[in-house]
Amino acid sequence: MYQKYKDRVTFLLVYIREAHPDSILYVPTTDGGTQLGVVPQTSTAADRLKNLEVCVSLLQLTMPSIIDGDDNQVNRAYAAWPDRLYGIDRNGIVRFKSDPGPSGFRTPDLAAWLRDIAK
């Protein structure tokens, strides 16, 4: 969806505190491969940024990405844990909110909303 609509709407991935700290996941290595590693819980924005960089690299994301601050303001305001998709209109009103992801993302519903507003 980002690739299809990025020239008509603004996309932003906001990395919040880890939903599953100490999970063992594949993480990128310096030689371009992957290996199993532990995803630590973060207590600072700097550490959260490191985890975001791993996430972006591993998933090969191209959309703009930022971190939630030390105060977890975005997570609190949008009930973002563990992860959600939101559609917010130009006036800051939430027009689309998925159930918790990834199984609750309802991407066809989000795509329909994007088609409607991106005309």
C-alpha atoms as a PDB file:
ATOM      1  CA  MET A   1       0.000   0.000   0.000  1.00  0.00           C
ATOM      2  CA  TYR A   2       2.850   2.359   0.749  1.00  0.00           C
ATOM      3  CA  GLN A   3       4.290   1.908  -2.726  1.00  0.00           C
ATOM      4  CA  LYS A   4       0.893   2.413  -4.346  1.00  0.00           C
ATOM      5  CA  TYR A   5      -0.298   5.479  -2.401  1.00  0.00           C
ATOM      6  CA  LYS A   6       2.896   7.160  -1.154  1.00  0.00           C
ATOM      7  CA  ASP A   7       2.578   9.985  -3.663  1.00  0.00           C
ATOM      8  CA  ARG A   8      -0.974  10.818  -2.486  1.00  0.00           C
ATOM      9  CA  VAL A   9      -0.982  10.230   1.277  1.00  0.00           C
ATOM     10  CA  THR A  10       1.629  10.392   4.032  1.00  0.00           C
ATOM     11  CA  PHE A  11       2.736   7.112   5.587  1.00  0.00           C
ATOM     12  CA  LEU A  12       4.649   6.861   8.837  1.00  0.00           C
ATOM     13  CA  LEU A  13       5.772   3.854  10.831  1.00  0.00           C
ATOM     14  CA  VAL A  14       6.015   4.709  14.528  1.00  0.00           C
ATOM     15  CA  TYR A  15       8.159   2.265  16.474  1.00  0.00           C
ATOM     16  CA  ILE A  16       6.819   1.947  20.025  1.00  0.00           C
ATOM     17  CA  ARG A  17       8.245   0.054  22.999  1.00  0.00           C
ATOM     18  CA  GLU A  18       8.769  -3.599  22.220  1.00  0.00           C
ATOM     19  CA  ALA A  19       5.647  -5.698  22.519  1.00  0.00           C
ATOM     20  CA  HIS A  20       7.692  -8.859  23.019  1.00  0.00           C
ATOM     21  CA  PRO A  21      10.957  -7.979  24.726  1.00  0.00           C
ATOM     22  CA  ASP A  22      13.512 -10.732  24.934  1.00  0.00           C
ATOM     23  CA  SER A  23      11.972 -12.458  21.901  1.00  0.00           C
ATOM     24  CA  ILE A  24      14.431 -14.448  19.865  1.00  0.00           C
ATOM     25  CA  LEU A  25      14.159 -13.363  16.242  1.00  0.00           C
ATOM     26  CA  TYR A  26      16.272 -13.320  13.143  1.00  0.00           C
ATOM     27  CA  VAL A  27      18.288 -10.095  13.065  1.00  0.00           C
ATOM     28  CA  PRO A  28      20.548  -8.747  10.319  1.00  0.00           C
ATOM     29  CA  THR A  29      24.278  -9.335  10.425  1.00  0.00           C
ATOM     30  CA  THR A  30      26.968  -7.012   9.127  1.00  0.00           C
ATOM     31  CA  ASP A  31      27.596  -9.298   6.137  1.00  0.00           C
ATOM     32  CA  GLY A  32      24.001  -8.992   4.905  1.00  0.00           C
ATOM     33  CA  GLY A  33      22.774 -12.275   6.358  1.00  0.00           C
ATOM     34  CA  THR A  34      20.652 -12.976   9.400  1.00  0.00           C
ATOM     35  CA  GLN A  35      21.163 -14.781  12.671  1.00  0.00           C
ATOM     36  CA  LEU A  36      19.076 -15.483  15.740  1.00  0.00           C
ATOM     37  CA  GLY A  37      19.277 -12.715  18.307  1.00  0.00           C
ATOM     38  CA  VAL A  38      17.416 -11.359  21.311  1.00  0.00           C
ATOM     39  CA  VAL A  39      15.338  -8.202  20.899  1.00  0.00           C
ATOM     40  CA  PRO A  40      15.833  -6.331  24.171  1.00  0.00           C
ATOM     41  CA  GLN A  41      13.275  -4.113  25.891  1.00  0.00           C
ATOM     42  CA  THR A  42      14.356  -0.528  25.634  1.00  0.00           C
ATOM     43  CA  SER A  43      14.339   2.132  28.286  1.00  0.00           C
ATOM     44  CA  THR A  44      15.628   5.041  26.195  1.00  0.00           C
ATOM     45  CA  ALA A  45      14.836   6.605  22.855  1.00  0.00           C
ATOM     46  CA  ALA A  46      18.408   5.888  21.717  1.00  0.00           C
ATOM     47  CA  ASP A  47      17.961   2.165  22.333  1.00  0.00           C
ATOM     48  CA  ARG A  48      14.556   2.228  20.663  1.00  0.00           C
ATOM     49  CA  LEU A  49      16.159   3.844  17.621  1.00  0.00           C
ATOM     50  CA  LYS A  50      18.682   0.990  17.419  1.00  0.00           C
ATOM     51  CA  ASN A  51      15.838  -1.540  17.440  1.00  0.00           C
ATOM     52  CA  LEU A  52      13.982   0.447  14.764  1.00  0.00           C
ATOM     53  CA  GLU A  53      17.081   0.407  12.570  1.00  0.00           C
ATOM     54  CA  VAL A  54      17.256  -3.393  12.898  1.00  0.00           C
ATOM     55  CA  CYS A  55      13.534  -3.680  12.083  1.00  0.00           C
ATOM     56  CA  VAL A  56      13.798  -1.446   9.011  1.00  0.00           C
ATOM     57  CA  SER A  57      16.858  -3.335   7.772  1.00  0.00           C
ATOM     58  CA  LEU A  58      15.479  -6.806   8.388  1.00  0.00           C
ATOM     59  CA  LEU A  59      12.089  -6.083   6.821  1.00  0.00           C
ATOM     60  CA  GLN A  60      13.630  -3.924   4.067  1.00  0.00           C
ATOM     61  CA  LEU A  61      11.146  -1.147   4.799  1.00  0.00           C
ATOM     62  CA  THR A  62      11.180   1.946   2.628  1.00  0.00           C
ATOM     63  CA  MET A  63       8.504   4.065   4.310  1.00  0.00           C
ATOM     64  CA  PRO A  64       9.428   6.885   6.681  1.00  0.00           C
ATOM     65  CA  SER A  65       9.940   5.560  10.211  1.00  0.00           C
ATOM     66  CA  ILE A  66      10.295   7.244  13.593  1.00  0.00           C
ATOM     67  CA  ILE A  67      10.354   6.198  17.235  1.00  0.00           C
ATOM     68  CA  ASP A  68       7.905   6.932  20.001  1.00  0.00           C
ATOM     69  CA  GLY A  69       9.536   9.087  22.680  1.00  0.00           C
ATOM     70  CA  ASP A  70      10.642   8.092  26.157  1.00  0.00           C
ATOM     71  CA  ASP A  71       7.206   9.197  27.388  1.00  0.00           C
ATOM     72  CA  ASN A  72       5.421   6.628  25.122  1.00  0.00           C
ATOM     73  CA  GLN A  73       2.979   9.360  24.110  1.00  0.00           C
ATOM     74  CA  VAL A  74       2.055   7.807  20.733  1.00  0.00           C
ATOM     75  CA  ASN A  75       1.480   4.384  22.247  1.00  0.00           C
ATOM     76  CA  ARG A  76      -0.788   5.869  24.922  1.00  0.00           C
ATOM     77  CA  ALA A  77      -2.690   8.140  22.537  1.00  0.00           C
ATOM     78  CA  TYR A  78      -3.359   5.476  19.923  1.00  0.00           C
ATOM     79  CA  ALA A  79      -3.388   2.204  21.889  1.00  0.00           C
ATOM     80  CA  ALA A  80      -0.675   1.106  19.500  1.00  0.00           C
ATOM     81  CA  TRP A  81       0.533  -1.952  21.381  1.00  0.00           C
ATOM     82  CA  PRO A  82       1.206  -4.521  20.058  1.00  0.00           C
ATOM     83  CA  ASP A  83       0.725  -2.987  16.612  1.00  0.00           C
ATOM     84  CA  ARG A  84      -2.029  -1.252  14.699  1.00  0.00           C
ATOM     85  CA  LEU A  85      -2.742   0.393  11.393  1.00  0.00           C
ATOM     86  CA  TYR A  86      -4.354   3.824  11.487  1.00  0.00           C
ATOM     87  CA  GLY A  87      -5.786   6.129   8.874  1.00  0.00           C
ATOM     88  CA  ILE A  88      -5.868   9.735  10.056  1.00  0.00           C
ATOM     89  CA  ASP A  89      -7.430  12.483   7.968  1.00  0.00           C
ATOM     90  CA  ARG A  90      -6.013  15.945   7.335  1.00  0.00           C
ATOM     91  CA  ASN A  91      -7.839  17.289  10.382  1.00  0.00           C
ATOM     92  CA  GLY A  92      -6.196  14.744  12.701  1.00  0.00           C
ATOM     93  CA  ILE A  93      -9.333  12.624  13.056  1.00  0.00           C
ATOM     94  CA  VAL A  94      -8.867   8.845  13.155  1.00  0.00           C
ATOM     95  CA  ARG A  95     -10.887   7.446  10.243  1.00  0.00           C
ATOM     96  CA  PHE A  96      -9.505   3.903  10.249  1.00  0.00           C
ATOM     97  CA  LYS A  97      -8.196   1.753  13.102  1.00  0.00           C
ATOM     98  CA  SER A  98      -7.283  -1.878  12.699  1.00  0.00           C
ATOM     99  CA  ASP A  99      -7.585  -4.525  15.344  1.00  0.00           C
ATOM    100  CA  PRO A 100      -4.276  -5.664  16.879  1.00  0.00           C
ATOM    101  CA  GLY A 101      -1.938  -6.959  14.221  1.00  0.00           C
ATOM    102  CA  PRO A 102      -0.825  -8.669  12.351  1.00  0.00           C
ATOM    103  CA  SER A 103      -3.936 -10.877  12.222  1.00  0.00           C
ATOM    104  CA  GLY A 104      -6.271  -7.929  12.811  1.00  0.00           C
ATOM    105  CA  PHE A 105      -4.807  -5.520  10.283  1.00  0.00           C
ATOM    106  CA  ARG A 106      -7.774  -5.721   7.814  1.00  0.00           C
ATOM    107  CA  THR A 107      -5.590  -4.436   4.993  1.00  0.00           C
ATOM    108  CA  PRO A 108      -8.403  -4.644   2.396  1.00  0.00           C
ATOM    109  CA  ASP A 109     -10.433  -2.189   4.522  1.00  0.00           C
ATOM    110  CA  LEU A 110      -7.459   0.152   4.806  1.00  0.00           C
ATOM    111  CA  ALA A 111      -6.857  -0.105   1.055  1.00  0.00           C
ATOM    112  CA  ALA A 112     -10.514   0.819   0.391  1.00  0.00           C
ATOM    113  CA  TRP A 113     -10.209   3.862   2.679  1.00  0.00           C
ATOM    114  CA  LEU A 114      -7.003   4.910   0.925  1.00  0.00           C
ATOM    115  CA  ARG A 115      -8.636   4.575  -2.486  1.00  0.00           C
ATOM    116  CA  ASP A 116     -11.500   6.792  -1.342  1.00  0.00           C
ATOM    117  CA  ILE A 117      -9.352   9.579   0.069  1.00  0.00           C
ATOM    118  CA  ALA A 118      -6.609   9.448  -2.560  1.00  0.00           C
ATOM    119  CA  LYS A 119      -8.914  10.288  -5.465  1.00  0.00           C
END
